[in-house]
C-alpha atoms as a PDB file:
ATOM      1  CA  MET A   1      -0.034   0.003   0.020  1.00  0.00           C
ATOM      2  CA  THR A   2       1.288   3.348  -0.895  1.00  0.00           C
ATOM      3  CA  MET A   3       1.108   5.565   2.524  1.00  0.00           C
ATOM      4  CA  GLN A   4      -0.487   8.971   2.436  1.00  0.00           C
ATOM      5  CA  GLU A   5       0.348  11.767   4.307  1.00  0.00           C
ATOM      6  CA  THR A   6      -3.372  12.837   4.697  1.00  0.00           C
ATOM      7  CA  VAL A   7      -6.335  11.748   6.985  1.00  0.00           C
ATOM      8  CA  ASP A   8      -9.089  10.719   5.131  1.00  0.00           C
ATOM      9  CA  VAL A   9     -12.474  11.997   6.480  1.00  0.00           C
ATOM     10  CA  SER A  10     -13.953   8.473   7.048  1.00  0.00           C
ATOM     11  CA  ARG A  11     -12.160   7.909   9.793  1.00  0.00           C
ATOM     12  CA  ASN A  12     -14.851   9.573  11.146  1.00  0.00           C
ATOM     13  CA  ASP A  13     -17.486   7.614   9.574  1.00  0.00           C
ATOM     14  CA  LEU A  14     -18.021   5.157  12.419  1.00  0.00           C
ATOM     15  CA  ASP A  15     -21.555   4.674  11.339  1.00  0.00           C
ATOM     16  CA  ASN A  16     -19.638   2.363   8.695  1.00  0.00           C
ATOM     17  CA  ILE A  17     -17.412  -0.467  10.241  1.00  0.00           C
ATOM     18  CA  VAL A  18     -15.994  -1.081   6.996  1.00  0.00           C
ATOM     19  CA  ARG A  19     -15.049   1.571   4.469  1.00  0.00           C
ATOM     20  CA  VAL A  20     -13.433   0.686   1.129  1.00  0.00           C
ATOM     21  CA  ARG A  21     -12.659   3.317  -1.430  1.00  0.00           C
ATOM     22  CA  ASN A  22     -11.029   2.099  -4.981  1.00  0.00           C
ATOM     23  CA  LEU A  23      -8.827  -0.797  -3.130  1.00  0.00           C
ATOM     24  CA  ARG A  24      -6.522  -2.965  -5.448  1.00  0.00           C
ATOM     25  CA  LYS A  25      -4.746  -5.823  -5.217  1.00  0.00           C
ATOM     26  CA  SER A  26      -2.105  -7.895  -6.980  1.00  0.00           C
ATOM     27  CA  TYR A  27      -0.124 -10.806  -7.266  1.00  0.00           C
ATOM     28  CA  GLY A  28       3.073  -9.789  -9.094  1.00  0.00           C
ATOM     29  CA  ASP A  29       1.412  -8.816 -13.090  1.00  0.00           C
ATOM     30  CA  LEU A  30      -2.172 -10.613 -11.723  1.00  0.00           C
ATOM     31  CA  GLU A  31      -4.495  -7.748 -10.719  1.00  0.00           C
ATOM     32  CA  VAL A  32      -7.222  -9.737  -8.538  1.00  0.00           C
ATOM     33  CA  LEU A  33      -8.836  -6.397  -7.070  1.00  0.00           C
ATOM     34  CA  LYS A  34      -8.853  -3.415  -9.879  1.00  0.00           C
ATOM     35  CA  GLY A  35     -11.091  -1.074  -7.591  1.00  0.00           C
ATOM     36  CA  ILE A  36     -13.454  -2.392  -5.000  1.00  0.00           C
ATOM     37  CA  THR A  37     -15.602   0.192  -3.122  1.00  0.00           C
ATOM     38  CA  LEU A  38     -18.263  -0.597  -0.458  1.00  0.00           C
ATOM     39  CA  ASN A  39     -19.254   0.068   2.661  1.00  0.00           C
ATOM     40  CA  VAL A  40     -20.570  -2.060   5.788  1.00  0.00           C
ATOM     41  CA  ARG A  41     -22.966  -0.549   8.403  1.00  0.00           C
ATOM     42  CA  LYS A  42     -23.060  -1.272  11.985  1.00  0.00           C
ATOM     43  CA  GLY A  43     -25.286  -4.203  12.309  1.00  0.00           C
ATOM     44  CA  GLU A  44     -25.841  -4.693   8.621  1.00  0.00           C
ATOM     45  CA  ALA A  45     -25.686  -8.224   7.022  1.00  0.00           C
ATOM     46  CA  ALA A  46     -23.144  -7.561   4.178  1.00  0.00           C
ATOM     47  CA  PHE A  47     -23.391 -10.706   1.108  1.00  0.00           C
ATOM     48  CA  ILE A  48     -20.896 -10.698  -1.612  1.00  0.00           C
ATOM     49  CA  ILE A  49     -21.419 -13.079  -4.466  1.00  0.00           C
ATOM     50  CA  GLY A  50     -19.883 -13.876  -7.761  1.00  0.00           C
ATOM     51  CA  ALA A  51     -17.876 -16.711  -9.490  1.00  0.00           C
ATOM     52  CA  SER A  52     -15.203 -18.334  -8.192  1.00  0.00           C
ATOM     53  CA  GLY A  53     -11.469 -16.476  -8.800  1.00  0.00           C
ATOM     54  CA  SER A  54     -13.343 -12.971  -9.164  1.00  0.00           C
ATOM     55  CA  GLY A  55     -11.363 -11.548  -5.929  1.00  0.00           C
ATOM     56  CA  LYS A  56     -14.260 -12.337  -3.220  1.00  0.00           C
ATOM     57  CA  SER A  57     -12.273 -14.077  -0.363  1.00  0.00           C
ATOM     58  CA  THR A  58      -8.817 -12.168  -1.483  1.00  0.00           C
ATOM     59  CA  PHE A  59     -10.951  -8.903  -0.301  1.00  0.00           C
ATOM     60  CA  LEU A  60     -12.004 -10.470   2.709  1.00  0.00           C
ATOM     61  CA  ARG A  61      -8.662 -11.379   3.833  1.00  0.00           C
ATOM     62  CA  CYS A  62      -7.266  -7.699   3.106  1.00  0.00           C
ATOM     63  CA  VAL A  63     -10.171  -6.653   5.681  1.00  0.00           C
ATOM     64  CA  ASN A  64      -8.745  -8.966   8.141  1.00  0.00           C
ATOM     65  CA  SER A  65      -4.866  -8.200   7.287  1.00  0.00           C
ATOM     66  CA  LEU A  66      -4.191 -11.609   5.994  1.00  0.00           C
ATOM     67  CA  GLU A  67      -3.409 -10.260   2.374  1.00  0.00           C
ATOM     68  CA  THR A  68      -1.657  -6.607   2.008  1.00  0.00           C
ATOM     69  CA  TYR A  69      -3.043  -4.513  -0.991  1.00  0.00           C
ATOM     70  CA  GLN A  70      -1.402  -2.170  -3.498  1.00  0.00           C
ATOM     71  CA  GLY A  71      -3.718   0.862  -3.747  1.00  0.00           C
ATOM     72  CA  GLY A  72      -7.115   2.105  -2.291  1.00  0.00           C
ATOM     73  CA  GLU A  73      -8.278   3.008   0.993  1.00  0.00           C
ATOM     74  CA  LEU A  74      -9.726  -0.012   3.657  1.00  0.00           C
ATOM     75  CA  TRP A  75     -11.003   1.222   6.933  1.00  0.00           C
ATOM     76  CA  VAL A  76     -11.824  -0.845   9.454  1.00  0.00           C
ATOM     77  CA  GLU A  77     -13.739   1.160  12.393  1.00  0.00           C
ATOM     78  CA  ASP A  78     -11.220   4.119  13.194  1.00  0.00           C
ATOM     79  CA  TYR A  79      -8.421   2.405  11.684  1.00  0.00           C
ATOM     80  CA  LEU A  80      -6.583   2.324   8.253  1.00  0.00           C
ATOM     81  CA  VAL A  81      -5.673  -1.394   7.491  1.00  0.00           C
ATOM     82  CA  GLY A  82      -2.085  -1.733   7.038  1.00  0.00           C
ATOM     83  CA  ALA A  83      -1.008   1.530   8.247  1.00  0.00           C
ATOM     84  CA  GLU A  84      -0.224   3.535  11.445  1.00  0.00           C
ATOM     85  CA  TRP A  85      -1.367   7.016  11.698  1.00  0.00           C
ATOM     86  CA  THR A  86       2.025   8.986  13.579  1.00  0.00           C
ATOM     87  CA  GLY A  87       0.395  12.549  13.813  1.00  0.00           C
ATOM     88  CA  LYS A  88       1.993  13.914  10.798  1.00  0.00           C
ATOM     89  CA  ARG A  89       1.878  10.895   8.245  1.00  0.00           C
ATOM     90  CA  TRP A  90       1.083   7.293   7.823  1.00  0.00           C
ATOM     91  CA  VAL A  91       3.578   4.192   8.318  1.00  0.00           C
ATOM     92  CA  GLU A  92       3.360   0.559   7.649  1.00  0.00           C
ATOM     93  CA  ALA A  93       1.787  -0.853  10.566  1.00  0.00           C
ATOM     94  CA  ARG A  94       3.949  -2.722  12.688  1.00  0.00           C
ATOM     95  CA  ALA A  95       3.479  -6.736  13.276  1.00  0.00           C
ATOM     96  CA  ALA A  96       1.906  -6.111  16.764  1.00  0.00           C
ATOM     97  CA  THR A  97      -0.378  -3.513  15.736  1.00  0.00           C
ATOM     98  CA  THR A  98      -1.469  -5.716  12.657  1.00  0.00           C
ATOM     99  CA  ALA A  99      -2.178  -8.791  15.094  1.00  0.00           C
ATOM    100  CA  SER A 100      -3.689  -6.389  17.600  1.00  0.00           C
ATOM    101  CA  ARG A 101      -5.941  -5.230  15.206  1.00  0.00           C
ATOM    102  CA  ARG A 102      -6.834  -8.629  13.535  1.00  0.00           C
ATOM    103  CA  SER A 103      -8.322  -9.975  16.935  1.00  0.00           C
ATOM    104  CA  ARG A 104     -11.093  -7.270  16.943  1.00  0.00           C
ATOM    105  CA  ILE A 105     -12.305  -9.054  13.982  1.00  0.00           C
ATOM    106  CA  GLY A 106     -13.854 -12.486  13.706  1.00  0.00           C
ATOM    107  CA  MET A 107     -13.749 -14.542  10.794  1.00  0.00           C
ATOM    108  CA  VAL A 108     -14.968 -18.057   9.678  1.00  0.00           C
ATOM    109  CA  PHE A 109     -13.040 -20.190   7.257  1.00  0.00           C
ATOM    110  CA  GLN A 110     -14.373 -22.432   4.523  1.00  0.00           C
ATOM    111  CA  ARG A 111     -12.596 -24.999   6.182  1.00  0.00           C
ATOM    112  CA  PHE A 112     -13.318 -24.429  10.154  1.00  0.00           C
ATOM    113  CA  ASN A 113      -9.564 -24.103  10.960  1.00  0.00           C
ATOM    114  CA  LEU A 114     -10.219 -25.764  14.011  1.00  0.00           C
ATOM    115  CA  PHE A 115      -7.026 -27.221  16.297  1.00  0.00           C
ATOM    116  CA  PRO A 116      -7.377 -30.799  16.024  1.00  0.00           C
ATOM    117  CA  HIS A 117      -5.645 -31.226  19.593  1.00  0.00           C
ATOM    118  CA  MET A 118      -8.217 -29.263  21.262  1.00  0.00           C
ATOM    119  CA  THR A 119     -11.619 -29.973  22.442  1.00  0.00           C
ATOM    120  CA  ALA A 120     -14.393 -27.657  21.107  1.00  0.00           C
ATOM    121  CA  LEU A 121     -14.505 -25.592  24.207  1.00  0.00           C
ATOM    122  CA  GLU A 122     -10.670 -25.194  24.130  1.00  0.00           C
ATOM    123  CA  ASN A 123     -10.922 -23.993  20.691  1.00  0.00           C
ATOM    124  CA  VAL A 124     -13.584 -21.176  21.292  1.00  0.00           C
ATOM    125  CA  ILE A 125     -11.420 -19.647  24.378  1.00  0.00           C
ATOM    126  CA  SER A 126      -7.829 -19.838  23.005  1.00  0.00           C
ATOM    127  CA  GLY A 127      -7.614 -16.599  21.628  1.00  0.00           C
ATOM    128  CA  LEU A 128      -9.296 -15.085  24.974  1.00  0.00           C
ATOM    129  CA  VAL A 129      -6.450 -16.858  26.619  1.00  0.00           C
ATOM    130  CA  MET A 130      -3.445 -16.776  24.556  1.00  0.00           C
ATOM    131  CA  VAL A 131      -3.963 -13.383  22.718  1.00  0.00           C
ATOM    132  CA  HIS A 132      -6.508 -11.587  25.279  1.00  0.00           C
ATOM    133  CA  GLY A 133      -5.392 -12.667  28.529  1.00  0.00           C
ATOM    134  CA  VAL A 134      -8.478 -13.589  29.904  1.00  0.00           C
ATOM    135  CA  GLU A 135      -8.160 -15.494  33.094  1.00  0.00           C
ATOM    136  CA  THR A 136      -9.112 -19.488  32.469  1.00  0.00           C
ATOM    137  CA  THR A 137     -12.019 -19.889  34.142  1.00  0.00           C
ATOM    138  CA  GLN A 138     -13.560 -16.139  32.856  1.00  0.00           C
ATOM    139  CA  ALA A 139     -12.830 -17.711  29.266  1.00  0.00           C
ATOM    140  CA  ARG A 140     -14.435 -21.368  30.100  1.00  0.00           C
ATOM    141  CA  LYS A 141     -17.740 -19.478  31.435  1.00  0.00           C
ATOM    142  CA  ARG A 142     -17.443 -17.311  28.186  1.00  0.00           C
ATOM    143  CA  GLY A 143     -16.757 -20.553  25.879  1.00  0.00           C
ATOM    144  CA  MET A 144     -19.620 -22.204  27.213  1.00  0.00           C
ATOM    145  CA  GLU A 145     -21.981 -19.738  26.737  1.00  0.00           C
ATOM    146  CA  LEU A 146     -21.044 -19.347  23.034  1.00  0.00           C
ATOM    147  CA  LEU A 147     -21.096 -22.882  22.648  1.00  0.00           C
ATOM    148  CA  ASP A 148     -24.837 -22.890  24.202  1.00  0.00           C
ATOM    149  CA  LYS A 149     -25.451 -19.982  21.663  1.00  0.00           C
ATOM    150  CA  VAL A 150     -24.585 -22.425  18.616  1.00  0.00           C
ATOM    151  CA  GLY A 151     -26.517 -25.351  19.973  1.00  0.00           C
ATOM    152  CA  LEU A 152     -23.280 -27.207  21.054  1.00  0.00           C
ATOM    153  CA  ALA A 153     -23.022 -27.110  24.924  1.00  0.00           C
ATOM    154  CA  ASP A 154     -23.100 -30.835  25.201  1.00  0.00           C
ATOM    155  CA  ARG A 155     -20.139 -31.147  22.798  1.00  0.00           C
ATOM    156  CA  ALA A 156     -17.803 -28.849  24.787  1.00  0.00           C
ATOM    157  CA  GLU A 157     -15.220 -31.673  25.695  1.00  0.00           C
ATOM    158  CA  SER A 158     -15.617 -33.551  22.004  1.00  0.00           C
ATOM    159  CA  TYR A 159     -12.537 -33.106  19.924  1.00  0.00           C
ATOM    160  CA  PRO A 160     -13.052 -32.001  16.097  1.00  0.00           C
ATOM    161  CA  ALA A 161     -12.583 -35.407  14.779  1.00  0.00           C
ATOM    162  CA  ARG A 162     -15.411 -36.366  16.765  1.00  0.00           C
ATOM    163  CA  LEU A 163     -18.099 -33.708  15.391  1.00  0.00           C
ATOM    164  CA  SER A 164     -19.570 -33.249  11.890  1.00  0.00           C
ATOM    165  CA  GLY A 165     -18.474 -30.488   9.660  1.00  0.00           C
ATOM    166  CA  GLY A 166     -21.676 -28.560  10.477  1.00  0.00           C
ATOM    167  CA  GLN A 167     -20.555 -29.123  14.203  1.00  0.00           C
ATOM    168  CA  GLN A 168     -17.105 -27.934  13.513  1.00  0.00           C
ATOM    169  CA  GLN A 169     -18.467 -25.179  11.777  1.00  0.00           C
ATOM    170  CA  ARG A 170     -20.577 -23.728  14.772  1.00  0.00           C
ATOM    171  CA  VAL A 171     -17.501 -24.181  17.159  1.00  0.00           C
ATOM    172  CA  ALA A 172     -15.566 -21.667  14.627  1.00  0.00           C
ATOM    173  CA  ILE A 173     -18.700 -19.437  14.806  1.00  0.00           C
ATOM    174  CA  ALA A 174     -18.380 -19.493  18.517  1.00  0.00           C
ATOM    175  CA  ARG A 175     -14.463 -18.960  18.355  1.00  0.00           C
ATOM    176  CA  ALA A 176     -15.167 -16.004  15.834  1.00  0.00           C
ATOM    177  CA  LEU A 177     -17.682 -14.258  18.589  1.00  0.00           C
ATOM    178  CA  ALA A 178     -15.361 -14.967  21.288  1.00  0.00           C
ATOM    179  CA  ALA A 179     -13.655 -11.805  21.864  1.00  0.00           C
ATOM    180  CA  ASN A 180     -16.993  -9.640  20.925  1.00  0.00           C
ATOM    181  CA  PRO A 181     -15.642  -8.633  17.557  1.00  0.00           C
ATOM    182  CA  SER A 182     -16.883  -5.124  15.603  1.00  0.00           C
ATOM    183  CA  VAL A 183     -17.375  -7.312  12.581  1.00  0.00           C
ATOM    184  CA  ILE A 184     -17.387 -11.254  11.640  1.00  0.00           C
ATOM    185  CA  LEU A 185     -16.260 -12.192   8.185  1.00  0.00           C
ATOM    186  CA  PHE A 186     -17.568 -15.153   6.551  1.00  0.00           C
ATOM    187  CA  ASP A 187     -15.532 -16.617   3.406  1.00  0.00           C
ATOM    188  CA  GLU A 188     -18.298 -19.312   2.063  1.00  0.00           C
ATOM    189  CA  PRO A 189     -19.033 -20.691   5.666  1.00  0.00           C
ATOM    190  CA  THR A 190     -21.121 -23.729   3.894  1.00  0.00           C
ATOM    191  CA  SER A 191     -19.013 -24.879   0.697  1.00  0.00           C
ATOM    192  CA  ALA A 192     -17.136 -27.694   2.793  1.00  0.00           C
ATOM    193  CA  LEU A 193     -20.530 -29.459   4.120  1.00  0.00           C
ATOM    194  CA  ASP A 194     -22.665 -32.015   2.881  1.00  0.00           C
ATOM    195  CA  PRO A 195     -25.953 -30.410   1.894  1.00  0.00           C
ATOM    196  CA  GLU A 196     -27.673 -31.808   4.979  1.00  0.00           C
ATOM    197  CA  LEU A 197     -25.269 -29.810   7.055  1.00  0.00           C
ATOM    198  CA  VAL A 198     -25.728 -26.106   5.780  1.00  0.00           C
ATOM    199  CA  GLY A 199     -28.784 -25.909   7.098  1.00  0.00           C
ATOM    200  CA  GLU A 200     -27.630 -25.858  11.046  1.00  0.00           C
ATOM    201  CA  VAL A 201     -24.792 -23.355  10.024  1.00  0.00           C
ATOM    202  CA  LEU A 202     -27.229 -20.838   8.631  1.00  0.00           C
ATOM    203  CA  SER A 203     -29.598 -21.309  11.628  1.00  0.00           C
ATOM    204  CA  VAL A 204     -27.001 -20.124  13.434  1.00  0.00           C
ATOM    205  CA  MET A 205     -25.902 -17.120  11.360  1.00  0.00           C
ATOM    206  CA  ARG A 206     -29.412 -16.445  10.788  1.00  0.00           C
ATOM    207  CA  GLN A 207     -29.647 -15.490  14.593  1.00  0.00           C
ATOM    208  CA  LEU A 208     -26.632 -13.614  14.352  1.00  0.00           C
ATOM    209  CA  ILE A 209     -28.416 -11.407  12.107  1.00  0.00           C
ATOM    210  CA  ARG A 210     -31.518 -10.946  14.423  1.00  0.00           C
ATOM    211  CA  ASP A 211     -29.163 -10.082  17.177  1.00  0.00           C
ATOM    212  CA  GLY A 212     -27.402  -7.105  14.969  1.00  0.00           C
ATOM    213  CA  MET A 213     -24.123  -8.735  14.332  1.00  0.00           C
ATOM    214  CA  THR A 214     -22.147  -6.617  11.857  1.00  0.00           C
ATOM    215  CA  MET A 215     -21.214  -9.363   9.036  1.00  0.00           C
ATOM    216  CA  LEU A 216     -19.754  -9.494   5.420  1.00  0.00           C
ATOM    217  CA  VAL A 217     -20.544 -12.905   4.094  1.00  0.00           C
ATOM    218  CA  VAL A 218     -18.762 -14.129   0.936  1.00  0.00           C
ATOM    219  CA  THR A 219     -21.363 -17.120  -0.312  1.00  0.00           C
ATOM    220  CA  HIS A 220     -23.050 -19.183  -2.887  1.00  0.00           C
ATOM    221  CA  GLU A 221     -26.286 -19.471  -0.639  1.00  0.00           C
ATOM    222  CA  ILE A 222     -28.095 -16.966  -2.686  1.00  0.00           C
ATOM    223  CA  THR A 223     -31.808 -17.830  -1.489  1.00  0.00           C
ATOM    224  CA  PHE A 224     -30.253 -17.193   2.190  1.00  0.00           C
ATOM    225  CA  ALA A 225     -28.176 -13.747   1.232  1.00  0.00           C
ATOM    226  CA  GLU A 226     -32.130 -12.392  -0.280  1.00  0.00           C
ATOM    227  CA  GLU A 227     -33.722 -13.812   2.916  1.00  0.00           C
ATOM    228  CA  VAL A 228     -31.483 -12.143   5.390  1.00  0.00           C
ATOM    229  CA  GLY A 229     -29.039  -9.829   3.760  1.00  0.00           C
ATOM    230  CA  ASP A 230     -29.356  -6.033   3.986  1.00  0.00           C
ATOM    231  CA  THR A 231     -27.243  -5.592   1.257  1.00  0.00           C
ATOM    232  CA  VAL A 232     -25.592  -7.532  -1.996  1.00  0.00           C
ATOM    233  CA  TYR A 233     -22.549  -7.026  -3.861  1.00  0.00           C
ATOM    234  CA  PHE A 234     -21.685  -9.086  -6.980  1.00  0.00           C
ATOM    235  CA  ILE A 235     -17.835  -8.955  -7.617  1.00  0.00           C
ATOM    236  CA  ASP A 236     -17.087  -9.815 -11.059  1.00  0.00           C
ATOM    237  CA  LYS A 237     -13.244  -9.483 -12.222  1.00  0.00           C
ATOM    238  CA  GLY A 238     -12.009  -7.535  -9.372  1.00  0.00           C
ATOM    239  CA  VAL A 239     -14.992  -4.745  -9.151  1.00  0.00           C
ATOM    240  CA  VAL A 240     -18.251  -4.573  -7.655  1.00  0.00           C
ATOM    241  CA  ALA A 241     -20.328  -4.648 -10.726  1.00  0.00           C
ATOM    242  CA  GLU A 242     -23.532  -4.435  -9.065  1.00  0.00           C
ATOM    243  CA  ALA A 243     -24.915  -3.712  -5.614  1.00  0.00           C
ATOM    244  CA  GLY A 244     -27.904  -3.054  -3.864  1.00  0.00           C
ATOM    245  CA  ALA A 245     -31.250  -4.268  -1.748  1.00  0.00           C
ATOM    246  CA  PRO A 246     -30.864  -8.414  -2.098  1.00  0.00           C
ATOM    247  CA  ALA A 247     -34.306  -8.701  -3.626  1.00  0.00           C
ATOM    248  CA  ASP A 248     -33.386  -6.075  -6.684  1.00  0.00           C
ATOM    249  CA  VAL A 249     -29.976  -7.691  -7.023  1.00  0.00           C
ATOM    250  CA  ILE A 250     -30.911 -11.328  -7.023  1.00  0.00           C
ATOM    251  CA  ARG A 251     -34.421 -10.997  -8.213  1.00  0.00           C
ATOM    252  CA  ASN A 252     -34.025  -7.992 -11.133  1.00  0.00           C
ATOM    253  CA  PRO A 253     -30.561  -7.846 -12.069  1.00  0.00           C
ATOM    254  CA  THR A 254     -29.583  -4.760 -14.019  1.00  0.00           C
ATOM    255  CA  ASN A 255     -26.140  -5.610 -15.051  1.00  0.00           C
ATOM    256  CA  ALA A 256     -25.820  -8.760 -17.667  1.00  0.00           C
ATOM    257  CA  ARG A 257     -23.130 -10.224 -15.500  1.00  0.00           C
ATOM    258  CA  THR A 258     -25.190 -10.404 -12.509  1.00  0.00           C
ATOM    259  CA  ALA A 259     -27.916 -12.218 -14.638  1.00  0.00           C
ATOM    260  CA  GLU A 260     -25.797 -14.576 -16.350  1.00  0.00           C
ATOM    261  CA  PHE A 261     -23.823 -15.456 -12.937  1.00  0.00           C
ATOM    262  CA  LEU A 262     -27.209 -15.536 -11.354  1.00  0.00           C
ATOM    263  CA  ALA A 263     -28.422 -17.777 -13.845  1.00  0.00           C
ATOM    264  CA  ARG A 264     -25.767 -20.144 -14.588  1.00  0.00           C
ATOM    265  CA  ILE A 265     -25.653 -21.056 -10.339  1.00  0.00           C
ATOM    266  CA  ARG A 266     -29.512 -21.733 -10.085  1.00  0.00           C
END
C-alpha cells in the first residue's frame, strides 16, 4: 500500500464499520482486485456473491490483514488497514499493531481451521486466553455461553474429529464471537459441508443477524442472502459490478454479468 500524508475523513465515519475506496490488490502481474468500493454499516449483513476467481476471498483476507493491498483505502472502525498514523504521516503498521487489530475481527473460514488437539471449548477460548489474556475460568464461562448459543454446549469436551462438519463450523463461529468483534467475516462458510449440514450453520448465522451482528459474508447461498441480507454486492473480475438490496440484485439484476451468473448457479 502506498502511504499517504493526509487523513481521510472516513476515519470519522464510524457508522460504517468497514469502508473501502478503490481497493486494488495484485499478485505480481495478476491484478485480482481492480478498484473495490463498498461500505458495511454497523449492524448490517452484507453479502458478496460472484464467480470463483472473482476476488471475493482475497477481498476478505485484505479486510482481516491476512493480505496486503497495493492501492486505495481500506478502513475498519477507526483505523486504516496496513498503516499507522504518526500524527504527521502514515507509516506501515507494525506486526504487533496488525495482530492486535486482527484480534478485533472475527473470521470464519471454509475449512473450519480448528485445532485438532483441542476440544471444542478449548478451540473457542484459545484466543481469549493466549491473545487477550483472559483468565481461564472466565474464558471457560464465556466459551460455554457461546457453545450454548450455537447449540453445542453438550459437545464442549469433544475433539474436532468427533464432530460433524456442521458442528465444527458452529464451533468456529463461536470462536469468532469470543472476543466480541466489531464485525465477523464469513468466507463461504457452508461450501465444505454436506448439503444436509448446511441448514444448521445458516440457522446460527440467521440468529446472529437477528441479534444485530455486523457481518460481511462471501457465499453461494443465494436464497439465504436474499432472505436475510441487507445488501448484496456482485463482484466480477475484481470490481463491484452491481450492488443493492438483495431482492433487487438477485431478482431484478440490471447488469448482464450479474444476470448471467445468477442464471448459471440456479
